[in-house]
Amino acid sequence: MTTSYKAKGMVPIFALGIEGSANKIGVGIVSENGEILANVRKTYVSPPGHGFLPKETAKYHQQEIVSLVRAALDESNLDPQDITCIAYTKGSMIAQPPAVSSL
């Protein structure tokens, strides 16, 4: 957390967002003034000749989400307790990947 907020006795607002509606899973952190502090993501790549399958994509998202949240916190120089709110993908055309981002 920036020292200017601490010195003024204020609590800044930082939102952590998780997007996982298709084959890409991403975590971003934004400040209350709209500054993007972190935007990290990974993409599930299906085997050649196959489209991405929801079950495999969801499993990939589950494997990657914790490291992405940690990477976003590191990139933003914030600690978990600095996060004020969390936003996530609630739904899409496929069910399983968004279920990961909403956990």
Protein backbone atom coordinates (compact mmCIF):
# COMPACT_ATOMS: atom_id res chain seq x y z
CA MET A 1 0.00 0.00 0.00
CA THR A 2 1.34 3.44 -0.82
CA THR A 3 2.61 5.49 2.12
CA SER A 4 0.64 8.60 1.08
CA TYR A 5 -2.62 6.79 1.90
CA LYS A 6 -1.27 5.52 5.20
CA ALA A 7 -0.05 8.98 6.19
CA LYS A 8 -3.51 10.43 5.56
CA GLY A 9 -5.27 7.62 7.44
CA MET A 10 -7.12 6.61 4.28
CA VAL A 11 -7.75 3.16 2.87
CA PRO A 12 -7.24 2.98 -0.90
CA ILE A 13 -9.47 0.82 -3.06
CA PHE A 14 -7.83 -1.92 -5.09
CA ALA A 15 -9.91 -4.37 -7.14
CA LEU A 16 -8.66 -7.77 -8.18
CA GLY A 17 -10.41 -9.17 -11.25
CA ILE A 18 -10.37 -12.74 -12.52
CA GLU A 19 -11.41 -13.51 -16.09
CA GLY A 20 -11.76 -17.09 -17.19
CA SER A 21 -14.60 -17.37 -19.70
CA ALA A 22 -12.77 -19.31 -22.41
CA ASN A 23 -9.29 -20.73 -22.96
CA LYS A 24 -7.54 -17.73 -21.37
CA ILE A 25 -7.36 -17.19 -17.60
CA GLY A 26 -6.29 -13.77 -16.39
CA VAL A 27 -5.91 -11.77 -13.19
CA GLY A 28 -5.78 -8.02 -13.08
CA ILE A 29 -5.51 -5.45 -10.32
CA VAL A 30 -6.73 -1.89 -10.74
CA SER A 31 -6.63 1.09 -8.39
CA GLU A 32 -9.59 3.31 -7.57
CA ASN A 33 -8.42 5.88 -10.11
CA GLY A 34 -8.35 3.27 -12.90
CA GLU A 35 -4.62 2.67 -12.97
CA ILE A 36 -3.86 -0.89 -14.10
CA LEU A 37 -1.37 -2.25 -11.59
CA ALA A 38 -1.25 -5.83 -12.89
CA ASN A 39 -2.56 -7.78 -15.85
CA VAL A 40 -1.25 -11.35 -16.00
CA ARG A 41 -2.72 -14.20 -18.02
CA LYS A 42 -2.12 -17.64 -19.42
CA THR A 43 -3.77 -19.44 -22.31
CA TYR A 44 -4.75 -23.08 -22.55
CA VAL A 45 -3.56 -24.44 -25.88
CA SER A 46 -5.32 -27.60 -27.00
CA PRO A 47 -3.53 -30.41 -28.80
CA PRO A 48 -3.12 -29.87 -32.56
CA GLY A 49 -6.27 -30.76 -34.47
CA HIS A 50 -8.59 -30.24 -31.51
CA GLY A 51 -10.63 -27.30 -30.38
CA PHE A 52 -10.40 -26.39 -26.74
CA LEU A 53 -12.57 -28.60 -24.57
CA PRO A 54 -14.33 -27.08 -21.54
CA LYS A 55 -13.31 -29.82 -19.10
CA GLU A 56 -9.61 -29.64 -20.00
CA THR A 57 -9.71 -25.85 -20.07
CA ALA A 58 -11.25 -25.72 -16.58
CA LYS A 59 -8.58 -28.10 -15.28
CA TYR A 60 -5.87 -25.85 -16.78
CA HIS A 61 -7.47 -22.80 -15.15
CA GLN A 62 -7.50 -24.59 -11.77
CA GLN A 63 -3.80 -25.38 -12.13
CA GLU A 64 -2.86 -21.80 -13.02
CA ILE A 65 -5.13 -19.53 -10.95
CA VAL A 66 -3.15 -19.44 -7.69
CA SER A 67 0.15 -18.64 -9.42
CA LEU A 68 -1.58 -15.93 -11.48
CA VAL A 69 -3.04 -14.28 -8.38
CA ARG A 70 0.39 -14.36 -6.74
CA ALA A 71 2.00 -12.94 -9.88
CA ALA A 72 -0.57 -10.11 -10.03
CA LEU A 73 0.04 -9.25 -6.38
CA ASP A 74 3.80 -9.25 -6.98
CA GLU A 75 3.47 -7.10 -10.12
CA SER A 76 1.28 -4.58 -8.28
CA ASN A 77 3.48 -4.54 -5.15
CA LEU A 78 0.39 -5.23 -3.04
CA ASP A 79 -0.35 -7.75 -0.32
CA PRO A 80 -3.56 -9.81 -0.23
CA GLN A 81 -4.92 -7.67 2.62
CA ASP A 82 -4.62 -4.56 0.40
CA ILE A 83 -7.29 -5.92 -1.97
CA THR A 84 -10.61 -4.21 -1.27
CA CYS A 85 -12.89 -6.08 -3.67
CA ILE A 86 -12.86 -8.99 -6.09
CA ALA A 87 -14.56 -9.19 -9.48
CA TYR A 88 -14.85 -12.32 -11.58
CA THR A 89 -16.39 -13.75 -14.72
CA LYS A 90 -19.78 -15.07 -13.73
CA GLY A 91 -20.71 -16.85 -16.93
CA SER A 92 -20.19 -17.45 -20.59
CA MET A 93 -21.26 -19.79 -23.35
CA ILE A 94 -19.37 -22.62 -21.64
CA ALA A 95 -19.84 -23.48 -17.99
CA GLN A 96 -16.70 -25.05 -16.62
CA PRO A 97 -13.96 -22.39 -17.08
CA PRO A 98 -15.98 -19.57 -15.42
CA ALA A 99 -16.69 -21.88 -12.51
CA VAL A 100 -12.96 -21.77 -11.74
CA SER A 101 -12.79 -17.97 -11.70
CA SER A 102 -15.78 -17.76 -9.37
CA LEU A 103 -14.31 -20.12 -6.75
